[in-house]
C-alpha atoms as a PDB file:
ATOM      1  CA  MET A   1      10.850 -22.342  59.095  1.00  0.00           C
ATOM      2  CA  ASP A   2      13.546 -24.986  58.990  1.00  0.00           C
ATOM      3  CA  ASP A   3      16.649 -23.614  57.277  1.00  0.00           C
ATOM      4  CA  THR A   4      18.615 -26.817  57.797  1.00  0.00           C
ATOM      5  CA  LYS A   5      20.342 -27.818  54.589  1.00  0.00           C
ATOM      6  CA  THR A   6      20.489 -31.412  53.498  1.00  0.00           C
ATOM      7  CA  MET A   7      24.144 -32.341  53.510  1.00  0.00           C
ATOM      8  CA  ALA A   8      25.841 -35.439  52.177  1.00  0.00           C
ATOM      9  CA  LEU A   9      27.221 -37.740  54.827  1.00  0.00           C
ATOM     10  CA  PHE A  10      30.660 -37.540  53.176  1.00  0.00           C
ATOM     11  CA  GLU A  11      32.254 -36.416  49.929  1.00  0.00           C
ATOM     12  CA  VAL A  12      33.052 -38.936  47.190  1.00  0.00           C
ATOM     13  CA  PRO A  13      35.842 -37.969  44.775  1.00  0.00           C
ATOM     14  CA  GLN A  14      34.712 -37.369  41.187  1.00  0.00           C
ATOM     15  CA  ALA A  15      36.533 -39.518  38.651  1.00  0.00           C
ATOM     16  CA  GLN A  16      38.073 -37.284  36.001  1.00  0.00           C
ATOM     17  CA  VAL A  17      40.185 -37.577  32.870  1.00  0.00           C
ATOM     18  CA  ALA A  18      42.577 -34.925  31.586  1.00  0.00           C
ATOM     19  CA  ILE A  19      41.684 -33.013  28.412  1.00  0.00           C
ATOM     20  CA  ASN A  20      44.540 -32.522  25.992  1.00  0.00           C
ATOM     21  CA  GLY A  21      45.583 -28.881  25.711  1.00  0.00           C
ATOM     22  CA  SER A  22      43.350 -27.722  28.559  1.00  0.00           C
ATOM     23  CA  ASP A  23      43.491 -27.212  32.316  1.00  0.00           C
ATOM     24  CA  ARG A  24      39.910 -28.434  32.546  1.00  0.00           C
ATOM     25  CA  LYS A  25      38.992 -32.051  33.302  1.00  0.00           C
ATOM     26  CA  PHE A  26      36.410 -34.395  31.832  1.00  0.00           C
ATOM     27  CA  PRO A  27      34.199 -35.694  34.682  1.00  0.00           C
ATOM     28  CA  VAL A  28      33.365 -39.373  34.247  1.00  0.00           C
ATOM     29  CA  ARG A  29      29.794 -40.525  34.819  1.00  0.00           C
ATOM     30  CA  ARG A  30      29.791 -44.062  33.445  1.00  0.00           C
ATOM     31  CA  ILE A  31      32.148 -46.336  31.517  1.00  0.00           C
ATOM     32  CA  TYR A  32      30.530 -48.530  28.880  1.00  0.00           C
ATOM     33  CA  CYS A  33      32.513 -51.155  26.963  1.00  0.00           C
ATOM     34  CA  VAL A  34      31.668 -52.843  23.663  1.00  0.00           C
ATOM     35  CA  GLY A  35      32.414 -56.553  23.665  1.00  0.00           C
ATOM     36  CA  ARG A  36      33.940 -58.461  20.745  1.00  0.00           C
ATOM     37  CA  ASN A  37      33.865 -55.551  18.303  1.00  0.00           C
ATOM     38  CA  TYR A  38      36.742 -56.712  16.094  1.00  0.00           C
ATOM     39  CA  ALA A  39      36.183 -59.814  13.962  1.00  0.00           C
ATOM     40  CA  ALA A  40      39.509 -61.500  14.737  1.00  0.00           C
ATOM     41  CA  HIS A  41      39.129 -60.936  18.470  1.00  0.00           C
ATOM     42  CA  ALA A  42      35.557 -62.233  18.358  1.00  0.00           C
ATOM     43  CA  ARG A  43      36.866 -65.418  16.763  1.00  0.00           C
ATOM     44  CA  GLU A  44      39.705 -65.837  19.274  1.00  0.00           C
ATOM     45  CA  SER A  45      37.085 -65.430  22.030  1.00  0.00           C
ATOM     46  CA  GLY A  46      34.845 -68.101  20.521  1.00  0.00           C
ATOM     47  CA  GLY A  47      32.280 -65.752  18.965  1.00  0.00           C
ATOM     48  CA  ASP A  48      30.773 -65.371  15.503  1.00  0.00           C
ATOM     49  CA  PRO A  49      31.477 -61.850  14.171  1.00  0.00           C
ATOM     50  CA  ASP A  50      29.100 -62.286  11.235  1.00  0.00           C
ATOM     51  CA  ARG A  51      25.963 -62.686  13.318  1.00  0.00           C
ATOM     52  CA  GLU A  52      26.413 -61.303  16.831  1.00  0.00           C
ATOM     53  CA  PRO A  53      24.911 -57.861  17.529  1.00  0.00           C
ATOM     54  CA  PRO A  54      26.928 -55.508  19.758  1.00  0.00           C
ATOM     55  CA  PHE A  55      26.781 -56.172  23.466  1.00  0.00           C
ATOM     56  CA  TYR A  56      27.975 -54.053  26.339  1.00  0.00           C
ATOM     57  CA  PHE A  57      29.372 -54.319  29.841  1.00  0.00           C
ATOM     58  CA  MET A  58      30.381 -51.627  32.310  1.00  0.00           C
ATOM     59  CA  LYS A  59      33.231 -50.567  34.551  1.00  0.00           C
ATOM     60  CA  PRO A  60      32.842 -48.209  37.522  1.00  0.00           C
ATOM     61  CA  ALA A  61      33.962 -44.630  36.937  1.00  0.00           C
ATOM     62  CA  ASP A  62      36.613 -44.897  39.641  1.00  0.00           C
ATOM     63  CA  ALA A  63      38.348 -47.720  37.727  1.00  0.00           C
ATOM     64  CA  ILE A  64      40.021 -44.915  35.730  1.00  0.00           C
ATOM     65  CA  VAL A  65      43.823 -44.766  35.895  1.00  0.00           C
ATOM     66  CA  ALA A  66      45.834 -41.953  34.307  1.00  0.00           C
ATOM     67  CA  ASP A  67      48.278 -42.609  31.502  1.00  0.00           C
ATOM     68  CA  ARG A  68      51.901 -43.184  32.566  1.00  0.00           C
ATOM     69  CA  SER A  69      50.758 -44.688  35.876  1.00  0.00           C
ATOM     70  CA  SER A  70      51.836 -47.781  37.769  1.00  0.00           C
ATOM     71  CA  VAL A  71      48.971 -50.269  37.935  1.00  0.00           C
ATOM     72  CA  PRO A  72      48.961 -52.873  40.707  1.00  0.00           C
ATOM     73  CA  TYR A  73      48.480 -56.482  39.658  1.00  0.00           C
ATOM     74  CA  PRO A  74      44.937 -57.219  40.894  1.00  0.00           C
ATOM     75  CA  ALA A  75      44.006 -59.737  43.560  1.00  0.00           C
ATOM     76  CA  ARG A  76      42.215 -63.022  42.919  1.00  0.00           C
ATOM     77  CA  THR A  77      43.646 -63.665  39.464  1.00  0.00           C
ATOM     78  CA  ASN A  78      46.545 -65.475  37.871  1.00  0.00           C
ATOM     79  CA  ASN A  79      45.655 -64.416  34.327  1.00  0.00           C
ATOM     80  CA  LEU A  80      45.497 -60.641  33.879  1.00  0.00           C
ATOM     81  CA  HIS A  81      45.007 -59.667  30.220  1.00  0.00           C
ATOM     82  CA  HIS A  82      45.498 -56.475  28.188  1.00  0.00           C
ATOM     83  CA  GLU A  83      42.982 -55.116  25.646  1.00  0.00           C
ATOM     84  CA  ILE A  84      43.905 -51.891  23.804  1.00  0.00           C
ATOM     85  CA  GLU A  85      40.921 -49.744  22.774  1.00  0.00           C
ATOM     86  CA  LEU A  86      39.784 -46.490  21.204  1.00  0.00           C
ATOM     87  CA  VAL A  87      37.782 -44.608  23.840  1.00  0.00           C
ATOM     88  CA  VAL A  88      34.954 -42.206  23.003  1.00  0.00           C
ATOM     89  CA  ALA A  89      33.989 -39.354  25.361  1.00  0.00           C
ATOM     90  CA  ILE A  90      30.343 -38.246  25.284  1.00  0.00           C
ATOM     91  CA  SER A  91      29.314 -34.639  25.954  1.00  0.00           C
ATOM     92  CA  LYS A  92      25.705 -34.557  24.726  1.00  0.00           C
ATOM     93  CA  ALA A  93      22.745 -36.405  26.193  1.00  0.00           C
ATOM     94  CA  GLY A  94      20.844 -38.751  23.948  1.00  0.00           C
ATOM     95  CA  ARG A  95      18.292 -41.532  23.890  1.00  0.00           C
ATOM     96  CA  ASN A  96      17.470 -43.582  20.790  1.00  0.00           C
ATOM     97  CA  VAL A  97      20.129 -41.660  18.874  1.00  0.00           C
ATOM     98  CA  SER A  98      20.300 -42.431  15.166  1.00  0.00           C
ATOM     99  CA  VAL A  99      23.562 -43.482  13.551  1.00  0.00           C
ATOM    100  CA  GLU A 100      23.562 -40.205  11.648  1.00  0.00           C
ATOM    101  CA  GLU A 101      23.167 -38.172  14.867  1.00  0.00           C
ATOM    102  CA  ALA A 102      25.710 -40.123  16.920  1.00  0.00           C
ATOM    103  CA  THR A 103      28.847 -38.124  16.137  1.00  0.00           C
ATOM    104  CA  ALA A 104      27.143 -34.969  17.448  1.00  0.00           C
ATOM    105  CA  CYS A 105      27.219 -36.577  20.915  1.00  0.00           C
ATOM    106  CA  ILE A 106      31.016 -37.041  20.855  1.00  0.00           C
ATOM    107  CA  PHE A 107      33.326 -34.651  22.685  1.00  0.00           C
ATOM    108  CA  GLY A 108      36.549 -36.421  21.802  1.00  0.00           C
ATOM    109  CA  TYR A 109      38.686 -39.530  21.782  1.00  0.00           C
ATOM    110  CA  ALA A 110      41.306 -41.203  23.961  1.00  0.00           C
ATOM    111  CA  VAL A 111      43.252 -44.455  24.139  1.00  0.00           C
ATOM    112  CA  GLY A 112      42.442 -46.940  26.886  1.00  0.00           C
ATOM    113  CA  ILE A 113      43.381 -50.405  28.083  1.00  0.00           C
ATOM    114  CA  ASP A 114      40.584 -52.682  29.243  1.00  0.00           C
ATOM    115  CA  LEU A 115      42.379 -54.790  31.858  1.00  0.00           C
ATOM    116  CA  THR A 116      40.652 -58.123  32.380  1.00  0.00           C
ATOM    117  CA  ARG A 117      40.912 -60.905  34.957  1.00  0.00           C
ATOM    118  CA  ARG A 118      40.564 -63.530  32.229  1.00  0.00           C
ATOM    119  CA  ASP A 119      40.337 -66.520  34.550  1.00  0.00           C
ATOM    120  CA  LEU A 120      37.417 -64.936  36.409  1.00  0.00           C
ATOM    121  CA  GLN A 121      35.767 -64.026  33.117  1.00  0.00           C
ATOM    122  CA  SER A 122      36.103 -67.591  31.832  1.00  0.00           C
ATOM    123  CA  GLU A 123      34.601 -68.932  35.044  1.00  0.00           C
ATOM    124  CA  ALA A 124      31.724 -66.449  34.822  1.00  0.00           C
ATOM    125  CA  LYS A 125      31.020 -67.406  31.205  1.00  0.00           C
ATOM    126  CA  LYS A 126      31.022 -71.099  32.071  1.00  0.00           C
ATOM    127  CA  ASN A 127      28.500 -70.564  34.857  1.00  0.00           C
ATOM    128  CA  GLY A 128      26.358 -67.959  33.096  1.00  0.00           C
ATOM    129  CA  ARG A 129      27.279 -65.260  35.599  1.00  0.00           C
ATOM    130  CA  PRO A 130      27.963 -61.516  35.164  1.00  0.00           C
ATOM    131  CA  TRP A 131      31.454 -60.284  34.266  1.00  0.00           C
ATOM    132  CA  ASP A 132      31.689 -57.589  36.958  1.00  0.00           C
ATOM    133  CA  THR A 133      34.551 -59.120  38.937  1.00  0.00           C
ATOM    134  CA  ALA A 134      36.470 -59.829  35.713  1.00  0.00           C
ATOM    135  CA  LYS A 135      36.085 -56.370  34.186  1.00  0.00           C
ATOM    136  CA  GLY A 136      35.146 -53.838  36.855  1.00  0.00           C
ATOM    137  CA  PHE A 137      37.915 -54.162  39.431  1.00  0.00           C
ATOM    138  CA  ASP A 138      40.042 -51.333  40.836  1.00  0.00           C
ATOM    139  CA  CYS A 139      42.435 -49.680  38.343  1.00  0.00           C
ATOM    140  CA  SER A 140      41.035 -51.695  35.423  1.00  0.00           C
ATOM    141  CA  ALA A 141      40.641 -48.739  33.036  1.00  0.00           C
ATOM    142  CA  PRO A 142      43.906 -46.928  32.225  1.00  0.00           C
ATOM    143  CA  VAL A 143      43.179 -44.082  29.799  1.00  0.00           C
ATOM    144  CA  THR A 144      45.025 -41.199  28.173  1.00  0.00           C
ATOM    145  CA  ALA A 145      43.941 -37.588  28.114  1.00  0.00           C
ATOM    146  CA  ILE A 146      40.903 -36.974  25.942  1.00  0.00           C
ATOM    147  CA  HIS A 147      41.617 -35.243  22.648  1.00  0.00           C
ATOM    148  CA  PRO A 148      38.674 -33.104  21.496  1.00  0.00           C
ATOM    149  CA  ALA A 149      37.238 -34.156  18.146  1.00  0.00           C
ATOM    150  CA  ALA A 150      38.296 -30.752  16.807  1.00  0.00           C
ATOM    151  CA  GLN A 151      41.885 -32.035  17.163  1.00  0.00           C
ATOM    152  CA  THR A 152      41.451 -35.613  15.943  1.00  0.00           C
ATOM    153  CA  GLY A 153      38.424 -35.529  13.691  1.00  0.00           C
ATOM    154  CA  HIS A 154      36.303 -38.682  13.955  1.00  0.00           C
ATOM    155  CA  PRO A 155      38.731 -41.531  13.242  1.00  0.00           C
ATOM    156  CA  THR A 156      37.346 -44.439  11.230  1.00  0.00           C
ATOM    157  CA  SER A 157      40.664 -46.037  10.302  1.00  0.00           C
ATOM    158  CA  GLY A 158      44.190 -46.066  11.623  1.00  0.00           C
ATOM    159  CA  ARG A 159      46.517 -48.449  13.388  1.00  0.00           C
ATOM    160  CA  ILE A 160      45.654 -49.605  16.901  1.00  0.00           C
ATOM    161  CA  TRP A 161      48.413 -51.529  18.664  1.00  0.00           C
ATOM    162  CA  LEU A 162      49.819 -52.703  21.988  1.00  0.00           C
ATOM    163  CA  GLU A 163      53.292 -53.864  23.021  1.00  0.00           C
ATOM    164  CA  VAL A 164      54.491 -55.587  26.185  1.00  0.00           C
ATOM    165  CA  ASN A 165      58.151 -54.966  27.021  1.00  0.00           C
ATOM    166  CA  GLY A 166      58.704 -53.888  23.405  1.00  0.00           C
ATOM    167  CA  GLU A 167      57.078 -56.977  21.865  1.00  0.00           C
ATOM    168  CA  VAL A 168      54.027 -56.328  19.674  1.00  0.00           C
ATOM    169  CA  ARG A 169      51.018 -58.236  20.975  1.00  0.00           C
ATOM    170  CA  GLN A 170      48.058 -56.490  19.323  1.00  0.00           C
ATOM    171  CA  ASP A 171      48.198 -54.843  15.903  1.00  0.00           C
ATOM    172  CA  GLY A 172      45.005 -53.956  14.081  1.00  0.00           C
ATOM    173  CA  ASN A 173      43.120 -51.142  12.402  1.00  0.00           C
ATOM    174  CA  LEU A 174      40.040 -49.200  13.464  1.00  0.00           C
ATOM    175  CA  ASP A 175      38.399 -50.071  10.160  1.00  0.00           C
ATOM    176  CA  GLU A 176      38.235 -53.686  11.361  1.00  0.00           C
ATOM    177  CA  MET A 177      35.489 -52.827  13.855  1.00  0.00           C
ATOM    178  CA  ILE A 178      32.347 -54.885  13.315  1.00  0.00           C
ATOM    179  CA  TRP A 179      30.203 -52.013  14.600  1.00  0.00           C
ATOM    180  CA  SER A 180      31.457 -48.499  13.846  1.00  0.00           C
ATOM    181  CA  VAL A 181      31.607 -45.896  16.604  1.00  0.00           C
ATOM    182  CA  PRO A 182      28.343 -44.222  15.480  1.00  0.00           C
ATOM    183  CA  GLU A 183      26.621 -47.603  15.243  1.00  0.00           C
ATOM    184  CA  ALA A 184      27.831 -48.622  18.718  1.00  0.00           C
ATOM    185  CA  ILE A 185      26.662 -45.314  20.185  1.00  0.00           C
ATOM    186  CA  SER A 186      23.279 -45.589  18.481  1.00  0.00           C
ATOM    187  CA  GLU A 187      22.661 -49.125  19.732  1.00  0.00           C
ATOM    188  CA  LEU A 188      23.867 -48.263  23.243  1.00  0.00           C
ATOM    189  CA  SER A 189      21.444 -45.331  23.387  1.00  0.00           C
ATOM    190  CA  THR A 190      18.519 -47.718  22.938  1.00  0.00           C
ATOM    191  CA  LEU A 191      19.565 -49.476  26.156  1.00  0.00           C
ATOM    192  CA  PHE A 192      20.688 -46.514  28.304  1.00  0.00           C
ATOM    193  CA  ALA A 193      20.135 -42.772  28.195  1.00  0.00           C
ATOM    194  CA  LEU A 194      23.552 -41.382  27.287  1.00  0.00           C
ATOM    195  CA  ALA A 195      24.737 -38.342  29.218  1.00  0.00           C
ATOM    196  CA  PRO A 196      27.690 -35.974  29.315  1.00  0.00           C
ATOM    197  CA  GLY A 197      30.559 -37.665  31.120  1.00  0.00           C
ATOM    198  CA  ASP A 198      30.056 -41.115  29.627  1.00  0.00           C
ATOM    199  CA  LEU A 199      33.053 -42.969  28.207  1.00  0.00           C
ATOM    200  CA  ILE A 200      32.746 -45.800  25.701  1.00  0.00           C
ATOM    201  CA  PHE A 201      35.562 -48.326  25.243  1.00  0.00           C
ATOM    202  CA  THR A 202      34.923 -49.483  21.684  1.00  0.00           C
ATOM    203  CA  GLY A 203      36.474 -52.953  21.598  1.00  0.00           C
ATOM    204  CA  THR A 204      39.879 -54.502  21.035  1.00  0.00           C
ATOM    205  CA  PRO A 205      41.665 -56.204  18.121  1.00  0.00           C
ATOM    206  CA  SER A 206      43.023 -59.730  18.329  1.00  0.00           C
ATOM    207  CA  GLY A 207      46.166 -60.635  20.232  1.00  0.00           C
ATOM    208  CA  VAL A 208      44.997 -60.140  23.805  1.00  0.00           C
ATOM    209  CA  GLY A 209      47.243 -61.889  26.265  1.00  0.00           C
ATOM    210  CA  PRO A 210      48.619 -62.159  29.786  1.00  0.00           C
ATOM    211  CA  LEU A 211      50.528 -59.580  31.791  1.00  0.00           C
ATOM    212  CA  GLN A 212      53.030 -60.165  34.580  1.00  0.00           C
ATOM    213  CA  ARG A 213      54.291 -58.022  37.417  1.00  0.00           C
ATOM    214  CA  GLY A 214      56.978 -55.693  36.123  1.00  0.00           C
ATOM    215  CA  ASP A 215      55.667 -55.584  32.550  1.00  0.00           C
ATOM    216  CA  ARG A 216      55.886 -52.292  30.677  1.00  0.00           C
ATOM    217  CA  VAL A 217      52.785 -51.896  28.506  1.00  0.00           C
ATOM    218  CA  THR A 218      52.674 -49.392  25.662  1.00  0.00           C
ATOM    219  CA  GLY A 219      50.217 -48.871  22.840  1.00  0.00           C
ATOM    220  CA  GLY A 220      48.265 -46.367  20.878  1.00  0.00           C
ATOM    221  CA  VAL A 221      45.756 -45.387  18.242  1.00  0.00           C
ATOM    222  CA  GLU A 222      47.071 -43.646  15.152  1.00  0.00           C
ATOM    223  CA  GLY A 223      45.975 -40.022  15.053  1.00  0.00           C
ATOM    224  CA  VAL A 224      44.769 -40.017  18.677  1.00  0.00           C
ATOM    225  CA  ASP A 225      47.460 -40.747  21.293  1.00  0.00           C
ATOM    226  CA  ASP A 226      49.704 -43.381  22.809  1.00  0.00           C
ATOM    227  CA  ILE A 227      49.518 -44.887  26.279  1.00  0.00           C
ATOM    228  CA  ALA A 228      52.004 -46.442  28.704  1.00  0.00           C
ATOM    229  CA  ILE A 229      51.560 -48.185  32.052  1.00  0.00           C
ATOM    230  CA  THR A 230      53.674 -50.435  34.251  1.00  0.00           C
ATOM    231  CA  ILE A 231      52.237 -53.461  36.055  1.00  0.00           C
ATOM    232  CA  THR A 232      53.528 -53.535  39.610  1.00  0.00           C
ATOM    233  CA  GLY A 233      53.394 -56.020  42.457  1.00  0.00           C
END
């Protein structure tokens, strides 16, 4: 009888996010992002918010960066952009989840910044190519600790904002989402089987713009948390 155990060739660190008020961590499986989910941002990006259904892209789990971190300016871009977002943490598996059932899948909420190499995204759009290099690069997903829904409730309105060096760049409200959080979760679950450990970045209001080395970026979602990062060389 062969008692040899199958062992992994090497260990890969598990991406994790802090949980507010707990010593435990939220292990990250996948990061989904909703594109153009605020009407004004859809318009500034050249979209039509009245007709476009939600669409999604992904970031790798290890793109996570903790709040209050220094984030290196990424390679191969001269146009790094900020996008402040409400982030949803999933703790219940689901496939073809109804809108009414969606909130039962939610563990809690956080605040994130979807960092984007805008020049690479524009080039990809022009050539009909995927957005991976524009959205899924190293350190592209700064995020705060997750606040359990028992602490925050399920926010449907509230200010969402971002400042760069004290200057307000983005200033919107969660109630301006084209697709609500339950609707976005429901639609996503028809494309992928949701599982505990998934994070969903739910879209950004208008006002996205460039970041430079040395910039201090702060922002937040009313009733959830605030976030701060510094862009370094």
